[in-house]
């Protein structure tokens, strides 16, 4: 059950992270009031989203870490988080940024990360 909670919280965390890091690029095109914000306003907006990222990320790592009774080593947590980040980012990019196209090399890099998950869980 701890693995389920860890991965679920990491997914939610990465959704907030992706919107904090890249969402402002689309909001500038979508909302006219956002375009007039100075850079410090955009940073404050992103930090407000990052707060919610941390509300999920920190508990996910604490629940999932093997020294806290979780099922994952630190390396496993990091690799899982990176793969989740790539999946969320890919979905975000294809949904919100229609001009971005996935190419073969992007898919090849994704396969390499999946292989990283395989290798990090090998005994």
PDB file of N, CA and C in Angstrom:
ATOM      1  N   UNK A   1       0.819  -1.202   0.000  1.00  0.00           N
ATOM      2  CA  UNK A   1       0.000   0.000   0.000  1.00  0.00           C
ATOM      3  C   UNK A   1       0.868   1.274   0.000  1.00  0.00           C
ATOM      4  N   UNK A   2       2.029   1.182   0.676  1.00  0.00           N
ATOM      5  CA  UNK A   2       2.913   2.355   0.713  1.00  0.00           C
ATOM      6  C   UNK A   2       3.453   2.689  -0.676  1.00  0.00           C
ATOM      7  N   UNK A   3       3.682   1.675  -1.503  1.00  0.00           N
ATOM      8  CA  UNK A   3       4.143   1.920  -2.871  1.00  0.00           C
ATOM      9  C   UNK A   3       3.069   2.669  -3.651  1.00  0.00           C
ATOM     10  N   UNK A   4       1.816   2.275  -3.468  1.00  0.00           N
ATOM     11  CA  UNK A   4       0.696   2.943  -4.145  1.00  0.00           C
ATOM     12  C   UNK A   4       0.615   4.411  -3.743  1.00  0.00           C
ATOM     13  N   UNK A   5       0.675   4.688  -2.436  1.00  0.00           N
ATOM     14  CA  UNK A   5       0.614   6.066  -1.957  1.00  0.00           C
ATOM     15  C   UNK A   5       1.818   6.876  -2.435  1.00  0.00           C
ATOM     16  N   UNK A   6       2.972   6.267  -2.418  1.00  0.00           N
ATOM     17  CA  UNK A   6       4.181   6.962  -2.869  1.00  0.00           C
ATOM     18  C   UNK A   6       4.061   7.365  -4.331  1.00  0.00           C
ATOM     19  N   UNK A   7       3.687   6.429  -5.174  1.00  0.00           N
ATOM     20  CA  UNK A   7       3.591   6.723  -6.607  1.00  0.00           C
ATOM     21  C   UNK A   7       2.459   7.707  -6.881  1.00  0.00           C
ATOM     22  N   UNK A   8       1.329   7.556  -6.208  1.00  0.00           N
ATOM     23  CA  UNK A   8       0.215   8.493  -6.386  1.00  0.00           C
ATOM     24  C   UNK A   8       0.590   9.912  -6.008  1.00  0.00           C
ATOM     25  N   UNK A   9       1.255  10.066  -4.860  1.00  0.00           N
ATOM     26  CA  UNK A   9       1.697  11.397  -4.438  1.00  0.00           C
ATOM     27  C   UNK A   9       2.749  11.967  -5.376  1.00  0.00           C
ATOM     28  N   UNK A  10       3.623  11.101  -5.896  1.00  0.00           N
ATOM     29  CA  UNK A  10       4.623  11.578  -6.858  1.00  0.00           C
ATOM     30  C   UNK A  10       3.967  12.056  -8.151  1.00  0.00           C
ATOM     31  N   UNK A  11       2.918  11.390  -8.581  1.00  0.00           N
ATOM     32  CA  UNK A  11       2.189  11.827  -9.781  1.00  0.00           C
ATOM     33  C   UNK A  11       1.566  13.205  -9.538  1.00  0.00           C
ATOM     34  N   UNK A  12       0.879  13.367  -8.410  1.00  0.00           N
ATOM     35  CA  UNK A  12       0.257  14.660  -8.095  1.00  0.00           C
ATOM     36  C   UNK A  12       1.320  15.743  -7.981  1.00  0.00           C
ATOM     37  N   UNK A  13       2.410  15.422  -7.298  1.00  0.00           N
ATOM     38  CA  UNK A  13       3.510  16.368  -7.139  1.00  0.00           C
ATOM     39  C   UNK A  13       4.050  16.821  -8.487  1.00  0.00           C
ATOM     40  N   UNK A  14       4.224  15.878  -9.399  1.00  0.00           N
ATOM     41  CA  UNK A  14       4.780  16.211 -10.707  1.00  0.00           C
ATOM     42  C   UNK A  14       3.809  16.998 -11.573  1.00  0.00           C
ATOM     43  N   UNK A  15       2.531  16.825 -11.377  1.00  0.00           N
ATOM     44  CA  UNK A  15       1.556  17.659 -12.086  1.00  0.00           C
ATOM     45  C   UNK A  15       1.731  19.109 -11.652  1.00  0.00           C
ATOM     46  N   UNK A  16       1.792  19.337 -10.345  1.00  0.00           N
ATOM     47  CA  UNK A  16       2.018  20.701  -9.849  1.00  0.00           C
ATOM     48  C   UNK A  16       3.365  21.238 -10.310  1.00  0.00           C
ATOM     49  N   UNK A  17       4.414  20.407 -10.265  1.00  0.00           N
ATOM     50  CA  UNK A  17       5.738  20.835 -10.679  1.00  0.00           C
ATOM     51  C   UNK A  17       5.753  21.268 -12.146  1.00  0.00           C
ATOM     52  N   UNK A  18       5.121  20.471 -12.994  1.00  0.00           N
ATOM     53  CA  UNK A  18       5.120  20.775 -14.424  1.00  0.00           C
ATOM     54  C   UNK A  18       4.385  22.086 -14.685  1.00  0.00           C
ATOM     55  N   UNK A  19       3.257  22.289 -14.017  1.00  0.00           N
ATOM     56  CA  UNK A  19       2.539  23.552 -14.188  1.00  0.00           C
ATOM     57  C   UNK A  19       3.339  24.726 -13.618  1.00  0.00           C
ATOM     58  N   UNK A  20       4.049  24.498 -12.517  1.00  0.00           N
ATOM     59  CA  UNK A  20       4.862  25.575 -11.937  1.00  0.00           C
ATOM     60  C   UNK A  20       6.016  25.951 -12.860  1.00  0.00           C
ATOM     61  N   UNK A  21       6.665  24.950 -13.451  1.00  0.00           N
ATOM     62  CA  UNK A  21       7.838  25.213 -14.274  1.00  0.00           C
ATOM     63  C   UNK A  21       7.495  25.668 -15.680  1.00  0.00           C
ATOM     64  N   UNK A  22       6.403  25.119 -16.256  1.00  0.00           N
ATOM     65  CA  UNK A  22       6.126  25.377 -17.667  1.00  0.00           C
ATOM     66  C   UNK A  22       4.753  25.983 -17.935  1.00  0.00           C
ATOM     67  N   UNK A  23       3.855  25.898 -16.980  1.00  0.00           N
ATOM     68  CA  UNK A  23       2.498  26.398 -17.185  1.00  0.00           C
ATOM     69  C   UNK A  23       2.434  27.881 -17.472  1.00  0.00           C
ATOM     70  N   UNK A  24       3.328  28.648 -16.872  1.00  0.00           N
ATOM     71  CA  UNK A  24       3.325  30.093 -17.097  1.00  0.00           C
ATOM     72  C   UNK A  24       3.578  30.448 -18.562  1.00  0.00           C
ATOM     73  N   UNK A  25       4.236  29.564 -19.296  1.00  0.00           N
ATOM     74  CA  UNK A  25       4.494  29.823 -20.722  1.00  0.00           C
ATOM     75  C   UNK A  25       3.186  29.824 -21.516  1.00  0.00           C
ATOM     76  N   UNK A  26       2.266  28.955 -21.141  1.00  0.00           N
ATOM     77  CA  UNK A  26       0.977  28.887 -21.822  1.00  0.00           C
ATOM     78  C   UNK A  26       0.015  29.936 -21.272  1.00  0.00           C
ATOM     79  N   UNK A  27       0.081  30.201 -19.982  1.00  0.00           N
ATOM     80  CA  UNK A  27      -0.819  31.192 -19.385  1.00  0.00           C
ATOM     81  C   UNK A  27      -0.589  32.566 -19.993  1.00  0.00           C
ATOM     82  N   UNK A  28       0.628  32.842 -20.362  1.00  0.00           N
ATOM     83  CA  UNK A  28       0.962  34.117 -20.996  1.00  0.00           C
ATOM     84  C   UNK A  28       0.189  34.266 -22.307  1.00  0.00           C
ATOM     85  N   UNK A  29       0.006  33.159 -23.004  1.00  0.00           N
ATOM     86  CA  UNK A  29      -0.728  33.183 -24.272  1.00  0.00           C
ATOM     87  C   UNK A  29      -2.236  33.149 -24.064  1.00  0.00           C
ATOM     88  N   UNK A  30      -2.684  32.638 -22.941  1.00  0.00           N
ATOM     89  CA  UNK A  30      -4.105  32.407 -22.708  1.00  0.00           C
ATOM     90  C   UNK A  30      -4.785  33.563 -21.992  1.00  0.00           C
ATOM     91  N   UNK A  31      -4.139  34.128 -20.996  1.00  0.00           N
ATOM     92  CA  UNK A  31      -4.746  35.184 -20.179  1.00  0.00           C
ATOM     93  C   UNK A  31      -3.982  36.485 -20.358  1.00  0.00           C
ATOM     94  N   UNK A  32      -4.678  37.530 -20.776  1.00  0.00           N
ATOM     95  CA  UNK A  32      -4.012  38.807 -21.038  1.00  0.00           C
ATOM     96  C   UNK A  32      -3.446  39.416 -19.758  1.00  0.00           C
ATOM     97  N   UNK A  33      -4.121  39.247 -18.630  1.00  0.00           N
ATOM     98  CA  UNK A  33      -3.623  39.806 -17.373  1.00  0.00           C
ATOM     99  C   UNK A  33      -2.311  39.164 -16.956  1.00  0.00           C
ATOM    100  N   UNK A  34      -2.123  37.907 -17.329  1.00  0.00           N
ATOM    101  CA  UNK A  34      -0.898  37.205 -16.960  1.00  0.00           C
ATOM    102  C   UNK A  34       0.286  37.722 -17.761  1.00  0.00           C
ATOM    103  N   UNK A  35       0.011  38.138 -18.979  1.00  0.00           N
ATOM    104  CA  UNK A  35       1.084  38.638 -19.847  1.00  0.00           C
ATOM    105  C   UNK A  35       1.690  39.923 -19.301  1.00  0.00           C
ATOM    106  N   UNK A  36       0.889  40.700 -18.563  1.00  0.00           N
ATOM    107  CA  UNK A  36       1.383  41.971 -18.036  1.00  0.00           C
ATOM    108  C   UNK A  36       2.115  41.831 -16.709  1.00  0.00           C
ATOM    109  N   UNK A  37       2.119  40.630 -16.138  1.00  0.00           N
ATOM    110  CA  UNK A  37       2.836  40.427 -14.876  1.00  0.00           C
ATOM    111  C   UNK A  37       4.332  40.602 -15.086  1.00  0.00           C
ATOM    112  N   UNK A  38       4.975  41.275 -14.157  1.00  0.00           N
ATOM    113  CA  UNK A  38       6.441  41.316 -14.230  1.00  0.00           C
ATOM    114  C   UNK A  38       6.995  39.936 -13.875  1.00  0.00           C
ATOM    115  N   UNK A  39       8.249  39.729 -14.175  1.00  0.00           N
ATOM    116  CA  UNK A  39       8.874  38.438 -13.933  1.00  0.00           C
ATOM    117  C   UNK A  39       8.722  37.989 -12.481  1.00  0.00           C
ATOM    118  N   UNK A  40       8.850  38.900 -11.538  1.00  0.00           N
ATOM    119  CA  UNK A  40       8.710  38.529 -10.124  1.00  0.00           C
ATOM    120  C   UNK A  40       7.294  38.010  -9.837  1.00  0.00           C
ATOM    121  N   UNK A  41       6.286  38.530 -10.529  1.00  0.00           N
ATOM    122  CA  UNK A  41       4.919  38.040 -10.383  1.00  0.00           C
ATOM    123  C   UNK A  41       4.772  36.625 -10.924  1.00  0.00           C
ATOM    124  N   UNK A  42       5.430  36.359 -12.046  1.00  0.00           N
ATOM    125  CA  UNK A  42       5.407  35.019 -12.629  1.00  0.00           C
ATOM    126  C   UNK A  42       6.119  34.041 -11.700  1.00  0.00           C
ATOM    127  N   UNK A  43       7.238  34.465 -11.125  1.00  0.00           N
ATOM    128  CA  UNK A  43       7.971  33.624 -10.187  1.00  0.00           C
ATOM    129  C   UNK A  43       7.102  33.348  -8.953  1.00  0.00           C
ATOM    130  N   UNK A  44       6.430  34.364  -8.440  1.00  0.00           N
ATOM    131  CA  UNK A  44       5.554  34.172  -7.273  1.00  0.00           C
ATOM    132  C   UNK A  44       4.418  33.205  -7.600  1.00  0.00           C
ATOM    133  N   UNK A  45       3.859  33.322  -8.797  1.00  0.00           N
ATOM    134  CA  UNK A  45       2.814  32.393  -9.227  1.00  0.00           C
ATOM    135  C   UNK A  45       3.358  30.968  -9.247  1.00  0.00           C
ATOM    136  N   UNK A  46       4.534  30.790  -9.841  1.00  0.00           N
ATOM    137  CA  UNK A  46       5.136  29.453  -9.914  1.00  0.00           C
ATOM    138  C   UNK A  46       5.467  28.915  -8.530  1.00  0.00           C
ATOM    139  N   UNK A  47       5.950  29.763  -7.637  1.00  0.00           N
ATOM    140  CA  UNK A  47       6.253  29.326  -6.276  1.00  0.00           C
ATOM    141  C   UNK A  47       4.990  28.894  -5.539  1.00  0.00           C
ATOM    142  N   UNK A  48       3.892  29.577  -5.823  1.00  0.00           N
ATOM    143  CA  UNK A  48       2.639  29.178  -5.157  1.00  0.00           C
ATOM    144  C   UNK A  48       2.220  27.782  -5.601  1.00  0.00           C
ATOM    145  N   UNK A  49       2.458  27.450  -6.861  1.00  0.00           N
ATOM    146  CA  UNK A  49       2.176  26.086  -7.327  1.00  0.00           C
ATOM    147  C   UNK A  49       3.191  25.093  -6.759  1.00  0.00           C
ATOM    148  N   UNK A  50       4.435  25.514  -6.673  1.00  0.00           N
ATOM    149  CA  UNK A  50       5.487  24.635  -6.154  1.00  0.00           C
ATOM    150  C   UNK A  50       5.236  24.271  -4.694  1.00  0.00           C
ATOM    151  N   UNK A  51       4.566  25.147  -3.957  1.00  0.00           N
ATOM    152  CA  UNK A  51       4.208  24.830  -2.576  1.00  0.00           C
ATOM    153  C   UNK A  51       3.375  23.556  -2.516  1.00  0.00           C
ATOM    154  N   UNK A  52       2.398  23.435  -3.433  1.00  0.00           N
ATOM    155  CA  UNK A  52       1.553  22.249  -3.467  1.00  0.00           C
ATOM    156  C   UNK A  52       2.335  21.024  -3.962  1.00  0.00           C
ATOM    157  N   UNK A  53       3.307  21.276  -4.828  1.00  0.00           N
ATOM    158  CA  UNK A  53       4.196  20.185  -5.245  1.00  0.00           C
ATOM    159  C   UNK A  53       4.893  19.591  -4.028  1.00  0.00           C
ATOM    160  N   UNK A  54       5.442  20.457  -3.187  1.00  0.00           N
ATOM    161  CA  UNK A  54       6.169  20.001  -2.011  1.00  0.00           C
ATOM    162  C   UNK A  54       5.253  19.329  -0.996  1.00  0.00           C
ATOM    163  N   UNK A  55       3.996  19.765  -0.925  1.00  0.00           N
ATOM    164  CA  UNK A  55       3.048  19.120  -0.013  1.00  0.00           C
ATOM    165  C   UNK A  55       2.819  17.655  -0.380  1.00  0.00           C
ATOM    166  N   UNK A  56       3.082  17.303  -1.619  1.00  0.00           N
ATOM    167  CA  UNK A  56       2.944  15.910  -2.063  1.00  0.00           C
ATOM    168  C   UNK A  56       4.298  15.204  -2.157  1.00  0.00           C
ATOM    169  N   UNK A  57       5.310  15.911  -2.619  1.00  0.00           N
ATOM    170  CA  UNK A  57       6.630  15.303  -2.844  1.00  0.00           C
ATOM    171  C   UNK A  57       7.282  14.831  -1.547  1.00  0.00           C
ATOM    172  N   UNK A  58       7.282  15.673  -0.546  1.00  0.00           N
ATOM    173  CA  UNK A  58       7.954  15.325   0.711  1.00  0.00           C
ATOM    174  C   UNK A  58       7.288  14.109   1.373  1.00  0.00           C
ATOM    175  N   UNK A  59       5.945  14.104   1.514  1.00  0.00           N
ATOM    176  CA  UNK A  59       5.327  12.891   2.084  1.00  0.00           C
ATOM    177  C   UNK A  59       5.552  11.647   1.225  1.00  0.00           C
ATOM    178  N   UNK A  60       5.562  11.801  -0.091  1.00  0.00           N
ATOM    179  CA  UNK A  60       5.799  10.644  -0.968  1.00  0.00           C
ATOM    180  C   UNK A  60       7.155  10.027  -0.672  1.00  0.00           C
ATOM    181  N   UNK A  61       8.164  10.857  -0.545  1.00  0.00           N
ATOM    182  CA  UNK A  61       9.502  10.348  -0.264  1.00  0.00           C
ATOM    183  C   UNK A  61       9.599   9.743   1.136  1.00  0.00           C
ATOM    184  N   UNK A  62       8.950  10.360   2.100  1.00  0.00           N
ATOM    185  CA  UNK A  62       8.989   9.829   3.470  1.00  0.00           C
ATOM    186  C   UNK A  62       8.250   8.498   3.561  1.00  0.00           C
ATOM    187  N   UNK A  63       7.097   8.403   2.910  1.00  0.00           N
ATOM    188  CA  UNK A  63       6.310   7.164   2.937  1.00  0.00           C
ATOM    189  C   UNK A  63       7.040   6.055   2.186  1.00  0.00           C
ATOM    190  N   UNK A  64       7.640   6.393   1.059  1.00  0.00           N
ATOM    191  CA  UNK A  64       8.231   5.384   0.199  1.00  0.00           C
ATOM    192  C   UNK A  64       9.632   4.934   0.556  1.00  0.00           C
ATOM    193  N   UNK A  65      10.349   5.732   1.350  1.00  0.00           N
ATOM    194  CA  UNK A  65      11.759   5.438   1.638  1.00  0.00           C
ATOM    195  C   UNK A  65      11.893   4.232   2.553  1.00  0.00           C
ATOM    196  N   UNK A  66      12.767   3.348   2.200  1.00  0.00           N
ATOM    197  CA  UNK A  66      12.947   2.073   2.904  1.00  0.00           C
ATOM    198  C   UNK A  66      13.310   2.253   4.385  1.00  0.00           C
ATOM    199  N   UNK A  67      14.085   3.283   4.714  1.00  0.00           N
ATOM    200  CA  UNK A  67      14.460   3.518   6.117  1.00  0.00           C
ATOM    201  C   UNK A  67      13.294   4.010   6.963  1.00  0.00           C
ATOM    202  N   UNK A  68      12.209   4.424   6.317  1.00  0.00           N
ATOM    203  CA  UNK A  68      10.992   4.838   7.027  1.00  0.00           C
ATOM    204  C   UNK A  68       9.914   3.761   6.946  1.00  0.00           C
ATOM    205  N   UNK A  69      10.293   2.565   6.528  1.00  0.00           N
ATOM    206  CA  UNK A  69       9.333   1.476   6.426  1.00  0.00           C
ATOM    207  C   UNK A  69       8.699   1.343   5.053  1.00  0.00           C
ATOM    208  N   UNK A  70       9.168   2.133   4.096  1.00  0.00           N
ATOM    209  CA  UNK A  70       8.634   2.067   2.740  1.00  0.00           C
ATOM    210  C   UNK A  70       9.331   0.997   1.910  1.00  0.00           C
ATOM    211  N   UNK A  71       8.864   0.815   0.682  1.00  0.00           N
ATOM    212  CA  UNK A  71       9.412  -0.256  -0.149  1.00  0.00           C
ATOM    213  C   UNK A  71      10.594   0.131  -1.038  1.00  0.00           C
ATOM    214  N   UNK A  72      10.974   1.426  -1.091  1.00  0.00           N
ATOM    215  CA  UNK A  72      11.940   1.874  -2.091  1.00  0.00           C
ATOM    216  C   UNK A  72      13.221   2.413  -1.467  1.00  0.00           C
ATOM    217  N   UNK A  73      14.341   2.140  -2.142  1.00  0.00           N
ATOM    218  CA  UNK A  73      15.603   2.782  -1.780  1.00  0.00           C
ATOM    219  C   UNK A  73      15.574   4.209  -2.329  1.00  0.00           C
ATOM    220  N   UNK A  74      16.544   4.987  -1.918  1.00  0.00           N
ATOM    221  CA  UNK A  74      16.629   6.371  -2.396  1.00  0.00           C
ATOM    222  C   UNK A  74      16.811   6.427  -3.911  1.00  0.00           C
ATOM    223  N   UNK A  75      17.668   5.560  -4.448  1.00  0.00           N
ATOM    224  CA  UNK A  75      17.891   5.511  -5.894  1.00  0.00           C
ATOM    225  C   UNK A  75      16.606   5.120  -6.623  1.00  0.00           C
ATOM    226  N   UNK A  76      15.884   4.154  -6.095  1.00  0.00           N
ATOM    227  CA  UNK A  76      14.639   3.739  -6.721  1.00  0.00           C
ATOM    228  C   UNK A  76      13.615   4.874  -6.712  1.00  0.00           C
ATOM    229  N   UNK A  77      13.517   5.589  -5.585  1.00  0.00           N
ATOM    230  CA  UNK A  77      12.598   6.733  -5.516  1.00  0.00           C
ATOM    231  C   UNK A  77      12.927   7.773  -6.585  1.00  0.00           C
ATOM    232  N   UNK A  78      14.197   8.063  -6.748  1.00  0.00           N
ATOM    233  CA  UNK A  78      14.615   9.081  -7.719  1.00  0.00           C
ATOM    234  C   UNK A  78      14.310   8.650  -9.146  1.00  0.00           C
ATOM    235  N   UNK A  79      14.599   7.418  -9.498  1.00  0.00           N
ATOM    236  CA  UNK A  79      14.335   6.939 -10.852  1.00  0.00           C
ATOM    237  C   UNK A  79      12.835   6.915 -11.122  1.00  0.00           C
ATOM    238  N   UNK A  80      12.049   6.452 -10.145  1.00  0.00           N
ATOM    239  CA  UNK A  80      10.586   6.464 -10.299  1.00  0.00           C
ATOM    240  C   UNK A  80      10.101   7.890 -10.535  1.00  0.00           C
ATOM    241  N   UNK A  81      10.608   8.820  -9.743  1.00  0.00           N
ATOM    242  CA  UNK A  81      10.203  10.227  -9.869  1.00  0.00           C
ATOM    243  C   UNK A  81      10.557  10.777 -11.251  1.00  0.00           C
ATOM    244  N   UNK A  82      11.714  10.431 -11.768  1.00  0.00           N
ATOM    245  CA  UNK A  82      12.128  10.926 -13.079  1.00  0.00           C
ATOM    246  C   UNK A  82      11.228  10.384 -14.189  1.00  0.00           C
ATOM    247  N   UNK A  83      10.869   9.117 -14.099  1.00  0.00           N
ATOM    248  CA  UNK A  83       9.983   8.530 -15.116  1.00  0.00           C
ATOM    249  C   UNK A  83       8.604   9.166 -15.028  1.00  0.00           C
ATOM    250  N   UNK A  84       8.098   9.357 -13.825  1.00  0.00           N
ATOM    251  CA  UNK A  84       6.798  10.026 -13.660  1.00  0.00           C
ATOM    252  C   UNK A  84       6.871  11.438 -14.224  1.00  0.00           C
ATOM    253  N   UNK A  85       7.962  12.139 -13.953  1.00  0.00           N
ATOM    254  CA  UNK A  85       8.134  13.493 -14.489  1.00  0.00           C
ATOM    255  C   UNK A  85       8.072  13.484 -16.006  1.00  0.00           C
ATOM    256  N   UNK A  86       8.747  12.549 -16.632  1.00  0.00           N
ATOM    257  CA  UNK A  86       8.749  12.478 -18.093  1.00  0.00           C
ATOM    258  C   UNK A  86       7.354  12.186 -18.638  1.00  0.00           C
ATOM    259  N   UNK A  87       6.648  11.275 -18.000  1.00  0.00           N
ATOM    260  CA  UNK A  87       5.287  10.948 -18.450  1.00  0.00           C
ATOM    261  C   UNK A  87       4.374  12.163 -18.319  1.00  0.00           C
ATOM    262  N   UNK A  88       4.385  12.812 -17.162  1.00  0.00           N
ATOM    263  CA  UNK A  88       3.534  13.989 -16.934  1.00  0.00           C
ATOM    264  C   UNK A  88       3.914  15.101 -17.896  1.00  0.00           C
ATOM    265  N   UNK A  89       5.210  15.330 -18.066  1.00  0.00           N
ATOM    266  CA  UNK A  89       5.658  16.388 -18.977  1.00  0.00           C
ATOM    267  C   UNK A  89       5.236  16.101 -20.417  1.00  0.00           C
ATOM    268  N   UNK A  90       5.340  14.848 -20.845  1.00  0.00           N
ATOM    269  CA  UNK A  90       4.946  14.486 -22.207  1.00  0.00           C
ATOM    270  C   UNK A  90       3.453  14.719 -22.423  1.00  0.00           C
ATOM    271  N   UNK A  91       2.648  14.304 -21.469  1.00  0.00           N
ATOM    272  CA  UNK A  91       1.200  14.538 -21.568  1.00  0.00           C
ATOM    273  C   UNK A  91       0.910  16.033 -21.584  1.00  0.00           C
ATOM    274  N   UNK A  92       1.523  16.769 -20.664  1.00  0.00           N
ATOM    275  CA  UNK A  92       1.333  18.220 -20.572  1.00  0.00           C
ATOM    276  C   UNK A  92       1.700  18.910 -21.892  1.00  0.00           C
ATOM    277  N   UNK A  93       2.846  18.531 -22.441  1.00  0.00           N
ATOM    278  CA  UNK A  93       3.327  19.168 -23.668  1.00  0.00           C
ATOM    279  C   UNK A  93       2.406  18.886 -24.848  1.00  0.00           C
ATOM    280  N   UNK A  94       1.978  17.647 -24.992  1.00  0.00           N
ATOM    281  CA  UNK A  94       1.136  17.312 -26.139  1.00  0.00           C
ATOM    282  C   UNK A  94      -0.272  17.877 -26.008  1.00  0.00           C
ATOM    283  N   UNK A  95      -0.752  18.072 -24.775  1.00  0.00           N
ATOM    284  CA  UNK A  95      -2.099  18.618 -24.584  1.00  0.00           C
ATOM    285  C   UNK A  95      -2.102  20.143 -24.686  1.00  0.00           C
ATOM    286  N   UNK A  96      -1.169  20.803 -24.016  1.00  0.00           N
ATOM    287  CA  UNK A  96      -1.205  22.266 -23.925  1.00  0.00           C
ATOM    288  C   UNK A  96      -0.357  22.985 -24.966  1.00  0.00           C
ATOM    289  N   UNK A  97       0.660  22.344 -25.495  1.00  0.00           N
ATOM    290  CA  UNK A  97       1.525  22.968 -26.487  1.00  0.00           C
ATOM    291  C   UNK A  97       1.424  22.164 -27.776  1.00  0.00           C
ATOM    292  N   UNK A  98       0.424  22.477 -28.556  1.00  0.00           N
ATOM    293  CA  UNK A  98       0.121  21.703 -29.763  1.00  0.00           C
ATOM    294  C   UNK A  98       1.263  21.718 -30.780  1.00  0.00           C
ATOM    295  N   UNK A  99       2.113  22.725 -30.768  1.00  0.00           N
ATOM    296  CA  UNK A  99       3.203  22.817 -31.733  1.00  0.00           C
ATOM    297  C   UNK A  99       4.364  21.881 -31.437  1.00  0.00           C
ATOM    298  N   UNK A 100       4.421  21.379 -30.209  1.00  0.00           N
ATOM    299  CA  UNK A 100       5.498  20.466 -29.834  1.00  0.00           C
ATOM    300  C   UNK A 100       5.175  19.071 -30.357  1.00  0.00           C
ATOM    301  N   UNK A 101       6.145  18.453 -31.001  1.00  0.00           N
ATOM    302  CA  UNK A 101       5.947  17.139 -31.603  1.00  0.00           C
ATOM    303  C   UNK A 101       6.941  16.155 -30.998  1.00  0.00           C
ATOM    304  N   UNK A 102       6.463  14.964 -30.707  1.00  0.00           N
ATOM    305  CA  UNK A 102       7.354  13.903 -30.247  1.00  0.00           C
ATOM    306  C   UNK A 102       8.076  13.311 -31.448  1.00  0.00           C
ATOM    307  N   UNK A 103       9.377  13.185 -31.329  1.00  0.00           N
ATOM    308  CA  UNK A 103      10.191  12.577 -32.379  1.00  0.00           C
ATOM    309  C   UNK A 103      10.741  11.244 -31.890  1.00  0.00           C
ATOM    310  N   UNK A 104      11.353  10.506 -32.783  1.00  0.00           N
ATOM    311  CA  UNK A 104      11.873   9.191 -32.445  1.00  0.00           C
ATOM    312  C   UNK A 104      12.902   9.259 -31.328  1.00  0.00           C
ATOM    313  N   UNK A 105      13.725  10.316 -31.324  1.00  0.00           N
ATOM    314  CA  UNK A 105      14.762  10.420 -30.302  1.00  0.00           C
ATOM    315  C   UNK A 105      14.161  10.675 -28.916  1.00  0.00           C
ATOM    316  N   UNK A 106      13.006  11.358 -28.864  1.00  0.00           N
ATOM    317  CA  UNK A 106      12.325  11.547 -27.583  1.00  0.00           C
ATOM    318  C   UNK A 106      11.838  10.198 -27.055  1.00  0.00           C
ATOM    319  N   UNK A 107      11.274   9.409 -27.953  1.00  0.00           N
ATOM    320  CA  UNK A 107      10.798   8.073 -27.564  1.00  0.00           C
ATOM    321  C   UNK A 107      11.960   7.168 -27.167  1.00  0.00           C
ATOM    322  N   UNK A 108      13.082   7.289 -27.871  1.00  0.00           N
ATOM    323  CA  UNK A 108      14.267   6.496 -27.519  1.00  0.00           C
ATOM    324  C   UNK A 108      14.763   6.872 -26.118  1.00  0.00           C
ATOM    325  N   UNK A 109      14.754   8.156 -25.804  1.00  0.00           N
ATOM    326  CA  UNK A 109      15.164   8.602 -24.469  1.00  0.00           C
ATOM    327  C   UNK A 109      14.205   8.069 -23.411  1.00  0.00           C
ATOM    328  N   UNK A 110      12.937   8.039 -23.736  1.00  0.00           N
ATOM    329  CA  UNK A 110      11.941   7.504 -22.817  1.00  0.00           C
ATOM    330  C   UNK A 110      12.197   6.021 -22.551  1.00  0.00           C
ATOM    331  N   UNK A 111      12.508   5.266 -23.585  1.00  0.00           N
ATOM    332  CA  UNK A 111      12.825   3.845 -23.424  1.00  0.00           C
ATOM    333  C   UNK A 111      14.054   3.686 -22.525  1.00  0.00           C
ATOM    334  N   UNK A 112      15.039   4.570 -22.681  1.00  0.00           N
ATOM    335  CA  UNK A 112      16.231   4.505 -21.826  1.00  0.00           C
ATOM    336  C   UNK A 112      15.868   4.719 -20.355  1.00  0.00           C
ATOM    337  N   UNK A 113      14.935   5.624 -20.084  1.00  0.00           N
ATOM    338  CA  UNK A 113      14.511   5.833 -18.703  1.00  0.00           C
ATOM    339  C   UNK A 113      13.746   4.632 -18.160  1.00  0.00           C
ATOM    340  N   UNK A 114      12.943   4.011 -19.000  1.00  0.00           N
ATOM    341  CA  UNK A 114      12.247   2.790 -18.579  1.00  0.00           C
ATOM    342  C   UNK A 114      13.282   1.705 -18.255  1.00  0.00           C
ATOM    343  N   UNK A 115      14.319   1.622 -19.076  1.00  0.00           N
ATOM    344  CA  UNK A 115      15.395   0.671 -18.789  1.00  0.00           C
ATOM    345  C   UNK A 115      16.097   1.016 -17.473  1.00  0.00           C
ATOM    346  N   UNK A 116      16.201   2.317 -17.180  1.00  0.00           N
ATOM    347  CA  UNK A 116      16.809   2.733 -15.913  1.00  0.00           C
ATOM    348  C   UNK A 116      15.982   2.211 -14.740  1.00  0.00           C
ATOM    349  N   UNK A 117      14.675   2.244 -14.857  1.00  0.00           N
ATOM    350  CA  UNK A 117      13.820   1.690 -13.803  1.00  0.00           C
ATOM    351  C   UNK A 117      14.094   0.195 -13.650  1.00  0.00           C
ATOM    352  N   UNK A 118      14.175  -0.486 -14.770  1.00  0.00           N
ATOM    353  CA  UNK A 118      14.465  -1.926 -14.731  1.00  0.00           C
ATOM    354  C   UNK A 118      15.790  -2.185 -14.006  1.00  0.00           C
ATOM    355  N   UNK A 119      16.830  -1.456 -14.400  1.00  0.00           N
ATOM    356  CA  UNK A 119      18.145  -1.694 -13.837  1.00  0.00           C
ATOM    357  C   UNK A 119      18.222  -1.324 -12.356  1.00  0.00           C
ATOM    358  N   UNK A 120      17.533  -0.267 -11.956  1.00  0.00           N
ATOM    359  CA  UNK A 120      17.618   0.155 -10.552  1.00  0.00           C
ATOM    360  C   UNK A 120      16.899  -0.834  -9.627  1.00  0.00           C
ATOM    361  N   UNK A 121      15.949  -1.596 -10.169  1.00  0.00           N
ATOM    362  CA  UNK A 121      15.250  -2.585  -9.361  1.00  0.00           C
ATOM    363  C   UNK A 121      15.880  -3.975  -9.439  1.00  0.00           C
ATOM    364  N   UNK A 122      16.909  -4.126 -10.264  1.00  0.00           N
ATOM    365  CA  UNK A 122      17.615  -5.421 -10.337  1.00  0.00           C
ATOM    366  C   UNK A 122      18.367  -5.672  -9.033  1.00  0.00           C
ATOM    367  N   UNK A 123      18.375  -6.903  -8.640  1.00  0.00           N
ATOM    368  CA  UNK A 123      19.123  -7.286  -7.417  1.00  0.00           C
ATOM    369  C   UNK A 123      20.528  -7.679  -7.779  1.00  0.00           C
TER     370      UNK A 123
END
